[in-house]
Amino acid sequence: MYNSLNDVKSSQRRLSHDFKLMVSSGFASRMGTTAFSISIIWITLDLTNSALMAGLADGLFTLPLIFSLYFGALIDRLGKKKNLAIISTLVRASAILLILMAILVHGFFLVIALIYSAVVVTGMMSDIINSIRSVWTKAFLEEDQYQKGISLSTGFYSVAEGIGYALSGILLYFGYSDTVYLLAAIFIISVIPIIFLQEKTDAGKTISGTNISSEILDGIRFIRRNRSLSQFIIIMIFANFVIAMVGIGFTFMIEKVLILPAFYLSIILIALSAGIGLGAIPGGFIRGTLGIIVSPLLAIIGIAFISLIATRDVFILIGLIFIVGFAIGVINVVIGTVFIKKVPMEMMARIEGSLNTFGISATFLSGTIGGAIIDLTSINSLFVIIGTATLIVGIAFIFMKELSGERIERKARISH
């Protein structure tokens, strides 16, 4: 029989110390990458005066995700992933110092080369760290803690993003060099919790006797056999490609249309993160099928983006973006809960890498195309395209029966 008391006890069980250390490191890391992603668009747009070049800088951050499946297979082979996480974080901190050189030099192509190099390396190291974190998330949580743990981490990471957005606006006001120095320091700080983290013996086993190619194929075969994951990747490709255009869209609107300082860009993006963080709270308690939960939320996001063309009041923009963030926060938790339950621990990095390679890597050209749309038409056209495409994705979600039929429900326990 269903024992509700056991469910309450399981939901109240404390999350492990190692999970909290991982989230602490992720908090600092997310704060740094968020501030970096906004700062790099702003700096590139200022130095080149080209929305297209700034959009490409934004897109290059996700370019390394094309190789995420390969990185995931490598990570799954490692028994201990802690040292790799530390090294990747330190390399990332060093790479962004290339931006200092870009600020000091005057040749256009050299500036672009330095900025783009920093972006690609930072994106690559971030991808490796995120794949490791996906394995640790499953390793450090019990099955009945997945939704609670994902809800908590989503909320904390959203707060970190909000702080990162605020920092980018404030630091850009005081100077580009100070911005770069602080970002490097934040990445170094994110290493500290990892140092004290203790990996479980079952968090991953060193694999030998097989080659990387066969392990990559195993991951792809797993996804092909699981129709809901295959459908999820298809949805991710379109949704991420479109929504990733907002970075250059918001930056251009604040810097070139409203002619406001970077602090206002920070406020808009803080509203987005605050919405995601607050949306993660109900996301941790929602029960039902994904179709009923996700499709209406995607419709809300689409309508909100289209509504942006009707105003140039920055505070109305903030309100609309908060609504978008809240909807995204709920979606992140329910989708993440289904994902982590369906994937075995020994394949987590590979499947996470597959999602990145086939889904998030689609955002590589998003910023570039978004910048081109702005240059060739207008900022209004960009927001209409984003909103309309999101509505289409919401409708398509309903017809993907395996994915939309996945359920979020409390696990029943048998009393003894």
Foldseek 3Di string as FASTA:
>chain_A
DFDVVVLVVQQPDDFDPLLVLLLLLLLLVLLLVLLVLLLQLLVQCVLPVFLLLSLLLNLLLLQLLLCLLLLLLVCLQDQDCLVVLLVLLLQLLVLLCLQVVLVVDNDPVSNSVSSSRNSNSNSNSVSNNVLLSLLVLLQRDDLLCQLVSQLVSQLSSLQSSLNSLQLSQVVVVVHDVSSSVVSSVSSNVSSVSSVVRDGDSVSHHNDDDDDSVVLLVVLVVLCVVQLLSVVVLVLLLLLLLQVLQVSSLLSCLPCPPVNHGSNLSSLLSSLLSNLLSVLSVVLSVDWDFQLVLQLVLLLLLLVLLLCVVVDSDSVVSSVSSNSNSSSVNSNSSNVSSLVSVSDDSSSSSSNSSVSSSSRNSSNSCSSSVSSVCCVVPHSSVSSNVSSVSSNVSSVVCNVSCSNRGDIDDRDGDDDD
